[in-house]
């Protein structure tokens, strides 16, 4: 099964994307996700995507362009870890939401 993108931000396009399939999430959660993603890309550059894998696990995926010499790869890894620690409850709740509303509870 293909991963489903929840949201993402790009330092290249200076844009934030939120998948309309997840519009039923509360506005406060969507706002928090936007702030988190945009601050990440402002800090280290590149692209950050939050996406659900086939089993409903939320993945934080980072990419950069091959010619982007300003992308902070070490800072990216540290920032991802910081998000996973500081936003653990949010990320776990998003996984539960996804499994509930996208039919993945039977897998657990």
Protein backbone atom coordinates (compact mmCIF):
# COMPACT_ATOMS: atom_id res chain seq x y z
CA UNK A 1 0.00 0.00 0.00
CA UNK A 2 1.22 3.48 -0.90
CA UNK A 3 1.97 6.04 1.80
CA UNK A 4 -0.61 8.79 2.31
CA UNK A 5 0.69 12.30 2.86
CA UNK A 6 -0.87 14.21 5.75
CA UNK A 7 1.00 17.47 5.23
CA UNK A 8 4.33 18.93 4.29
CA UNK A 9 6.40 22.05 3.82
CA UNK A 10 9.12 23.03 1.39
CA UNK A 11 11.85 25.59 1.88
CA UNK A 12 12.29 25.67 -1.89
CA UNK A 13 8.76 26.78 -2.75
CA UNK A 14 8.12 28.35 0.67
CA UNK A 15 4.82 26.49 0.74
CA UNK A 16 2.82 24.38 3.15
CA UNK A 17 0.55 21.58 1.92
CA UNK A 18 -2.26 19.97 3.89
CA UNK A 19 -4.06 16.97 2.39
CA UNK A 20 -7.79 17.84 2.18
CA UNK A 21 -8.62 14.20 3.00
CA UNK A 22 -7.78 15.10 6.60
CA UNK A 23 -9.99 18.19 6.86
CA UNK A 24 -11.93 16.65 9.74
CA UNK A 25 -8.94 17.26 12.01
CA UNK A 26 -9.51 20.22 14.33
CA UNK A 27 -8.21 23.58 13.12
CA UNK A 28 -5.87 23.83 16.14
CA UNK A 29 -4.17 20.55 15.11
CA UNK A 30 -3.85 21.69 11.50
CA UNK A 31 -2.36 24.98 12.67
CA UNK A 32 0.11 23.16 14.94
CA UNK A 33 1.17 20.90 12.06
CA UNK A 34 1.68 23.89 9.79
CA UNK A 35 3.81 25.71 12.35
CA UNK A 36 5.85 22.58 13.05
CA UNK A 37 6.54 21.86 9.36
CA UNK A 38 7.28 25.43 8.35
CA UNK A 39 9.63 26.03 11.29
CA UNK A 40 11.45 22.79 10.45
CA UNK A 41 12.10 23.84 6.85
CA UNK A 42 13.08 27.36 7.91
CA UNK A 43 15.60 25.93 10.38
CA UNK A 44 17.28 23.24 8.27
CA UNK A 45 15.93 23.69 4.73
CA UNK A 46 14.68 21.00 2.38
CA UNK A 47 11.26 19.40 2.41
CA UNK A 48 9.45 17.79 5.34
CA UNK A 49 6.47 15.50 4.80
CA UNK A 50 4.35 13.77 7.40
CA UNK A 51 2.92 10.64 5.86
CA UNK A 52 1.19 7.49 6.98
CA UNK A 53 2.60 4.15 5.87
CA UNK A 54 0.43 1.18 4.92
CA UNK A 55 0.05 0.18 8.55
CA UNK A 56 -0.99 3.62 9.77
CA UNK A 57 2.35 4.62 11.28
CA UNK A 58 3.22 8.29 10.92
CA UNK A 59 6.57 8.90 9.24
CA UNK A 60 8.50 12.16 9.13
CA UNK A 61 10.19 12.16 5.74
CA UNK A 62 12.92 14.67 4.89
CA UNK A 63 14.28 15.34 1.41
CA UNK A 64 16.65 17.83 -0.10
CA UNK A 65 17.71 18.67 -3.60
CA UNK A 66 21.08 17.22 -4.62
CA UNK A 67 22.42 20.71 -5.35
CA UNK A 68 21.23 22.20 -2.03
CA UNK A 69 24.51 22.80 -0.22
CA UNK A 70 22.77 24.86 2.46
CA UNK A 71 20.61 21.93 3.64
CA UNK A 72 21.59 20.98 7.19
CA UNK A 73 21.54 17.17 7.19
CA UNK A 74 22.80 16.83 10.76
CA UNK A 75 20.43 19.51 12.00
CA UNK A 76 17.62 17.76 10.16
CA UNK A 77 18.17 14.52 12.05
CA UNK A 78 18.39 16.37 15.36
CA UNK A 79 15.24 18.36 14.62
CA UNK A 80 13.30 15.20 13.67
CA UNK A 81 14.30 13.61 16.97
CA UNK A 82 13.28 16.75 18.83
CA UNK A 83 9.85 16.69 17.14
CA UNK A 84 9.42 12.99 17.95
CA UNK A 85 10.14 13.69 21.63
CA UNK A 86 8.40 17.04 22.10
CA UNK A 87 5.35 16.22 19.95
CA UNK A 88 5.06 12.54 20.84
CA UNK A 89 1.48 12.79 22.07
CA UNK A 90 0.36 14.68 18.97
CA UNK A 91 2.04 12.18 16.64
CA UNK A 92 0.53 9.20 18.47
CA UNK A 93 -2.92 10.80 18.42
CA UNK A 94 -2.61 11.40 14.67
CA UNK A 95 -1.80 7.71 14.17
CA UNK A 96 -4.88 6.75 16.19
CA UNK A 97 -7.01 9.19 14.19
CA UNK A 98 -5.72 7.77 10.93
CA UNK A 99 -6.35 4.18 11.95
CA UNK A 100 -9.86 5.02 13.18
CA UNK A 101 -11.00 7.00 10.18
CA UNK A 102 -9.09 5.18 7.46
CA UNK A 103 -9.89 1.60 8.41
CA UNK A 104 -6.59 0.42 9.90
CA UNK A 105 -7.80 -0.64 13.34
CA UNK A 106 -8.42 -4.18 12.21
CA UNK A 107 -4.67 -4.51 11.56
CA UNK A 108 -3.83 -3.98 15.23
